[in-house]
Amino acid sequence: MIHARSNQAFVNAASSGHMEVLKLLLEHTLDQEKRDKMIHARSNQAFVNAASSGHMEVLKLLLEHTLDQEKRDKMIHAR
């Protein structure tokens, strides 16, 4: 249920700056692979939307939960 429809709930929460929702979703996704898929869904749309909206705390949270440096680099350079 958390990962339904291309992780739309996660992307929407990041886009709107809803830190508590993001933290809840991340806490309840124990599998790191699923967490990565949630964070990086749809070409890093959560990160791009948060950056476009100026949600710095969301950006920090997403970067903190991305362990792979290559994925972090892709997030930072996503369009």
Foldseek 3Di string as FASTA:
>chain_A
DCCPDQNVVLLVCLLVLVVVSNVVSLVPPPDLVVSVSNCCTPQNNSLVSNVVVVNVVSNVVSLVSDPDVVVSVSSVPTD
